[in-house]
Amino acid sequence: MKTLEELLAGSKFFQGLRSEDLQLIAGCGTNVQFEAGAYLFHEGDPSDRFYLIRHGRVALEVSSAGRGPVTISTLGAGELIGWSWLVPPYQKTSDARAIEPTRATSFDGACIRAKCEEEPRLGYELLKRFAQIIGRRLQDTRLQLLDVYGTRK
């Protein structure tokens, strides 16, 4: 059985971080499970956690008037869910729903922010990595909205 630190070292997102950084991050994490159909969080919820999917798939959804939930992106093993824990007002910007049984590591955002304040180098490294996720999610949202409300050029 692998330790949480070993799991993080093996993930693409955390790859290349120093072992002491992985220890700090692992100290803020805990393993969680979600049954198919269960919500990890809802749009508007306080954003105090993010997740590394270890097994399963999760749909990121936004509500659409008259259409119900629209799936913006489907994420699987090795991918991270949740970036809004990083920037005020720390509020979720979508729903996240397990579409099959899912195992993940949940990280306490306030704990990670405190570690980043103590280690600004770590904070900058995580910010760069999460900025890539934010950019991809914005692009996914843009493409999905074009599919739902109009045509692509």
C-alpha atoms as a PDB file:
ATOM      1  CA  MET A   1       0.000   0.000   0.000  1.00  0.00           C
ATOM      2  CA  LYS A   2       1.374   3.398  -1.026  1.00  0.00           C
ATOM      3  CA  THR A   3       1.553   6.398   1.265  1.00  0.00           C
ATOM      4  CA  LEU A   4      -0.229   9.594   0.272  1.00  0.00           C
ATOM      5  CA  GLU A   5       3.142  11.182  -0.432  1.00  0.00           C
ATOM      6  CA  GLU A   6       4.004   8.332  -2.828  1.00  0.00           C
ATOM      7  CA  LEU A   7       0.634   8.698  -4.579  1.00  0.00           C
ATOM      8  CA  LEU A   8       1.286  12.410  -5.067  1.00  0.00           C
ATOM      9  CA  ALA A   9       4.801  11.810  -6.396  1.00  0.00           C
ATOM     10  CA  GLY A  10       3.308   9.481  -9.006  1.00  0.00           C
ATOM     11  CA  SER A  11       0.716  11.961 -10.241  1.00  0.00           C
ATOM     12  CA  LYS A  12       1.380  14.132 -13.279  1.00  0.00           C
ATOM     13  CA  PHE A  13       0.215  17.300 -11.513  1.00  0.00           C
ATOM     14  CA  PHE A  14       2.596  16.962  -8.568  1.00  0.00           C
ATOM     15  CA  GLN A  15       5.454  15.438 -10.565  1.00  0.00           C
ATOM     16  CA  GLY A  16       8.762  17.197 -10.053  1.00  0.00           C
ATOM     17  CA  LEU A  17       7.935  18.767  -6.685  1.00  0.00           C
ATOM     18  CA  ARG A  18      10.516  18.367  -3.940  1.00  0.00           C
ATOM     19  CA  SER A  19       9.900  15.552  -1.477  1.00  0.00           C
ATOM     20  CA  GLU A  20       9.561  18.085   1.359  1.00  0.00           C
ATOM     21  CA  ASP A  21       6.842  19.879  -0.652  1.00  0.00           C
ATOM     22  CA  LEU A  22       5.024  16.600  -1.211  1.00  0.00           C
ATOM     23  CA  GLN A  23       5.170  15.980   2.552  1.00  0.00           C
ATOM     24  CA  LEU A  24       3.615  19.380   3.242  1.00  0.00           C
ATOM     25  CA  ILE A  25       0.852  18.815   0.693  1.00  0.00           C
ATOM     26  CA  ALA A  26       0.187  15.231   1.836  1.00  0.00           C
ATOM     27  CA  GLY A  27      -0.295  16.560   5.370  1.00  0.00           C
ATOM     28  CA  CYS A  28      -3.345  18.465   4.097  1.00  0.00           C
ATOM     29  CA  GLY A  29      -4.873  15.478   2.288  1.00  0.00           C
ATOM     30  CA  THR A  30      -7.233  12.647   3.054  1.00  0.00           C
ATOM     31  CA  ASN A  31      -8.635   9.832   0.930  1.00  0.00           C
ATOM     32  CA  VAL A  32     -12.344   9.952   0.055  1.00  0.00           C
ATOM     33  CA  GLN A  33     -14.851   7.924  -1.993  1.00  0.00           C
ATOM     34  CA  PHE A  34     -17.970   8.911  -3.918  1.00  0.00           C
ATOM     35  CA  GLU A  35     -20.687   6.633  -5.265  1.00  0.00           C
ATOM     36  CA  ALA A  36     -21.939   7.143  -8.820  1.00  0.00           C
ATOM     37  CA  GLY A  37     -24.315  10.120  -8.853  1.00  0.00           C
ATOM     38  CA  ALA A  38     -22.921  11.680  -5.669  1.00  0.00           C
ATOM     39  CA  TYR A  39     -21.896  15.343  -5.755  1.00  0.00           C
ATOM     40  CA  LEU A  40     -18.441  16.354  -4.640  1.00  0.00           C
ATOM     41  CA  PHE A  41     -19.665  19.966  -4.476  1.00  0.00           C
ATOM     42  CA  HIS A  42     -22.218  22.403  -5.889  1.00  0.00           C
ATOM     43  CA  GLU A  43     -21.834  25.744  -7.630  1.00  0.00           C
ATOM     44  CA  GLY A  44     -21.847  28.525  -5.028  1.00  0.00           C
ATOM     45  CA  ASP A  45     -20.601  26.284  -2.201  1.00  0.00           C
ATOM     46  CA  PRO A  46     -17.667  27.565  -0.163  1.00  0.00           C
ATOM     47  CA  SER A  47     -14.500  26.376  -1.864  1.00  0.00           C
ATOM     48  CA  ASP A  48     -12.395  24.872   0.851  1.00  0.00           C
ATOM     49  CA  ARG A  49     -11.183  21.697  -0.889  1.00  0.00           C
ATOM     50  CA  PHE A  50      -9.747  20.349  -4.117  1.00  0.00           C
ATOM     51  CA  TYR A  51      -9.479  16.757  -5.288  1.00  0.00           C
ATOM     52  CA  LEU A  52      -7.024  14.516  -7.087  1.00  0.00           C
ATOM     53  CA  ILE A  53      -8.990  11.724  -8.779  1.00  0.00           C
ATOM     54  CA  ARG A  54      -7.312   8.361  -8.238  1.00  0.00           C
ATOM     55  CA  HIS A  55      -9.998   6.170  -9.839  1.00  0.00           C
ATOM     56  CA  GLY A  56     -13.331   6.910 -11.503  1.00  0.00           C
ATOM     57  CA  ARG A  57     -14.774   9.826 -13.448  1.00  0.00           C
ATOM     58  CA  VAL A  58     -16.333  13.133 -12.427  1.00  0.00           C
ATOM     59  CA  ALA A  59     -18.426  15.522 -14.529  1.00  0.00           C
ATOM     60  CA  LEU A  60     -18.086  19.274 -14.081  1.00  0.00           C
ATOM     61  CA  GLU A  61     -21.494  20.801 -14.719  1.00  0.00           C
ATOM     62  CA  VAL A  62     -23.090  24.235 -14.858  1.00  0.00           C
ATOM     63  CA  SER A  63     -26.799  24.984 -14.685  1.00  0.00           C
ATOM     64  CA  SER A  64     -28.467  26.298 -17.795  1.00  0.00           C
ATOM     65  CA  ALA A  65     -31.885  27.952 -17.690  1.00  0.00           C
ATOM     66  CA  GLY A  66     -34.359  25.686 -19.445  1.00  0.00           C
ATOM     67  CA  ARG A  67     -31.744  23.032 -20.243  1.00  0.00           C
ATOM     68  CA  GLY A  68     -30.751  21.749 -16.821  1.00  0.00           C
ATOM     69  CA  PRO A  69     -27.167  20.786 -16.083  1.00  0.00           C
ATOM     70  CA  VAL A  70     -24.655  21.085 -18.931  1.00  0.00           C
ATOM     71  CA  THR A  71     -21.482  19.032 -18.668  1.00  0.00           C
ATOM     72  CA  ILE A  72     -18.475  21.256 -19.260  1.00  0.00           C
ATOM     73  CA  SER A  73     -15.827  18.604 -18.796  1.00  0.00           C
ATOM     74  CA  THR A  74     -15.409  15.002 -17.687  1.00  0.00           C
ATOM     75  CA  LEU A  75     -12.312  14.264 -15.631  1.00  0.00           C
ATOM     76  CA  GLY A  76     -10.675  10.975 -14.730  1.00  0.00           C
ATOM     77  CA  ALA A  77      -7.790   9.387 -12.894  1.00  0.00           C
ATOM     78  CA  GLY A  78      -4.825  11.678 -12.377  1.00  0.00           C
ATOM     79  CA  GLU A  79      -6.781  14.895 -12.894  1.00  0.00           C
ATOM     80  CA  LEU A  80      -7.539  17.616 -10.363  1.00  0.00           C
ATOM     81  CA  ILE A  81     -10.926  19.100  -9.562  1.00  0.00           C
ATOM     82  CA  GLY A  82     -11.303  22.475  -7.921  1.00  0.00           C
ATOM     83  CA  TRP A  83      -9.222  25.594  -8.253  1.00  0.00           C
ATOM     84  CA  SER A  84     -11.389  28.209  -6.541  1.00  0.00           C
ATOM     85  CA  TRP A  85      -9.942  27.339  -3.103  1.00  0.00           C
ATOM     86  CA  LEU A  86      -6.898  29.291  -4.330  1.00  0.00           C
ATOM     87  CA  VAL A  87      -8.474  32.712  -4.963  1.00  0.00           C
ATOM     88  CA  PRO A  88     -11.011  34.788  -3.042  1.00  0.00           C
ATOM     89  CA  PRO A  89     -13.955  34.681  -2.631  1.00  0.00           C
ATOM     90  CA  TYR A  90     -13.260  30.918  -2.338  1.00  0.00           C
ATOM     91  CA  GLN A  91     -16.550  29.867  -3.915  1.00  0.00           C
ATOM     92  CA  LYS A  92     -17.220  26.903  -6.246  1.00  0.00           C
ATOM     93  CA  THR A  93     -17.952  27.881  -9.856  1.00  0.00           C
ATOM     94  CA  SER A  94     -19.611  24.632 -10.975  1.00  0.00           C
ATOM     95  CA  ASP A  95     -21.086  21.370  -9.760  1.00  0.00           C
ATOM     96  CA  ALA A  96     -18.927  18.248  -9.656  1.00  0.00           C
ATOM     97  CA  ARG A  97     -20.747  14.895  -9.850  1.00  0.00           C
ATOM     98  CA  ALA A  98     -19.241  11.412  -9.783  1.00  0.00           C
ATOM     99  CA  ILE A  99     -20.477   9.587 -12.873  1.00  0.00           C
ATOM    100  CA  GLU A 100     -19.062   6.290 -11.667  1.00  0.00           C
ATOM    101  CA  PRO A 101     -17.697   5.130  -8.317  1.00  0.00           C
ATOM    102  CA  THR A 102     -14.762   7.434  -7.637  1.00  0.00           C
ATOM    103  CA  ARG A 103     -11.813   7.381  -5.255  1.00  0.00           C
ATOM    104  CA  ALA A 104      -9.952  10.624  -4.736  1.00  0.00           C
ATOM    105  CA  THR A 105      -7.643  12.466  -2.411  1.00  0.00           C
ATOM    106  CA  SER A 106      -9.259  15.550  -0.921  1.00  0.00           C
ATOM    107  CA  PHE A 107      -7.039  18.463   0.067  1.00  0.00           C
ATOM    108  CA  ASP A 108      -7.897  21.136   2.617  1.00  0.00           C
ATOM    109  CA  GLY A 109      -7.509  24.446   0.770  1.00  0.00           C
ATOM    110  CA  ALA A 110      -6.908  26.547   3.894  1.00  0.00           C
ATOM    111  CA  CYS A 111      -4.187  24.116   4.986  1.00  0.00           C
ATOM    112  CA  ILE A 112      -2.498  24.303   1.567  1.00  0.00           C
ATOM    113  CA  ARG A 113      -2.748  28.128   1.512  1.00  0.00           C
ATOM    114  CA  ALA A 114      -1.099  28.264   4.961  1.00  0.00           C
ATOM    115  CA  LYS A 115       1.730  25.997   3.755  1.00  0.00           C
ATOM    116  CA  CYS A 116       2.176  28.250   0.707  1.00  0.00           C
ATOM    117  CA  GLU A 117       2.406  31.335   2.936  1.00  0.00           C
ATOM    118  CA  GLU A 118       5.169  29.585   4.899  1.00  0.00           C
ATOM    119  CA  GLU A 119       6.903  28.421   1.693  1.00  0.00           C
ATOM    120  CA  PRO A 120       6.351  31.071  -1.037  1.00  0.00           C
ATOM    121  CA  ARG A 121       8.372  29.015  -3.516  1.00  0.00           C
ATOM    122  CA  LEU A 122       5.837  26.193  -3.135  1.00  0.00           C
ATOM    123  CA  GLY A 123       2.978  28.669  -3.442  1.00  0.00           C
ATOM    124  CA  TYR A 124       4.351  30.039  -6.703  1.00  0.00           C
ATOM    125  CA  GLU A 125       4.866  26.532  -8.099  1.00  0.00           C
ATOM    126  CA  LEU A 126       1.310  25.490  -7.235  1.00  0.00           C
ATOM    127  CA  LEU A 127      -0.080  28.742  -8.636  1.00  0.00           C
ATOM    128  CA  LYS A 128       1.644  28.079 -11.979  1.00  0.00           C
ATOM    129  CA  ARG A 129       0.235  24.555 -12.077  1.00  0.00           C
ATOM    130  CA  PHE A 130      -3.290  25.587 -11.101  1.00  0.00           C
ATOM    131  CA  ALA A 131      -3.231  28.458 -13.631  1.00  0.00           C
ATOM    132  CA  GLN A 132      -2.909  25.813 -16.352  1.00  0.00           C
ATOM    133  CA  ILE A 133      -5.972  24.020 -14.989  1.00  0.00           C
ATOM    134  CA  ILE A 134      -7.943  27.282 -14.840  1.00  0.00           C
ATOM    135  CA  GLY A 135      -7.020  28.020 -18.453  1.00  0.00           C
ATOM    136  CA  ARG A 136      -8.106  24.552 -19.615  1.00  0.00           C
ATOM    137  CA  ARG A 137     -11.413  24.787 -17.744  1.00  0.00           C
ATOM    138  CA  LEU A 138     -12.144  28.196 -19.274  1.00  0.00           C
ATOM    139  CA  GLN A 139     -11.433  26.777 -22.729  1.00  0.00           C
ATOM    140  CA  ASP A 140     -13.635  23.727 -22.032  1.00  0.00           C
ATOM    141  CA  THR A 141     -16.445  26.042 -20.893  1.00  0.00           C
ATOM    142  CA  ARG A 142     -16.092  28.239 -23.957  1.00  0.00           C
ATOM    143  CA  LEU A 143     -16.247  25.252 -26.321  1.00  0.00           C
ATOM    144  CA  GLN A 144     -19.223  23.730 -24.525  1.00  0.00           C
ATOM    145  CA  LEU A 145     -21.129  27.035 -24.600  1.00  0.00           C
ATOM    146  CA  LEU A 146     -20.477  27.311 -28.331  1.00  0.00           C
ATOM    147  CA  ASP A 147     -21.881  23.805 -28.795  1.00  0.00           C
ATOM    148  CA  VAL A 148     -24.966  24.581 -26.706  1.00  0.00           C
ATOM    149  CA  TYR A 149     -25.746  28.149 -27.793  1.00  0.00           C
ATOM    150  CA  GLY A 150     -24.214  28.641 -31.188  1.00  0.00           C
ATOM    151  CA  THR A 151     -21.889  27.375 -33.824  1.00  0.00           C
ATOM    152  CA  ARG A 152     -18.133  27.335 -33.801  1.00  0.00           C
ATOM    153  CA  LYS A 153     -16.216  29.320 -36.375  1.00  0.00           C
END
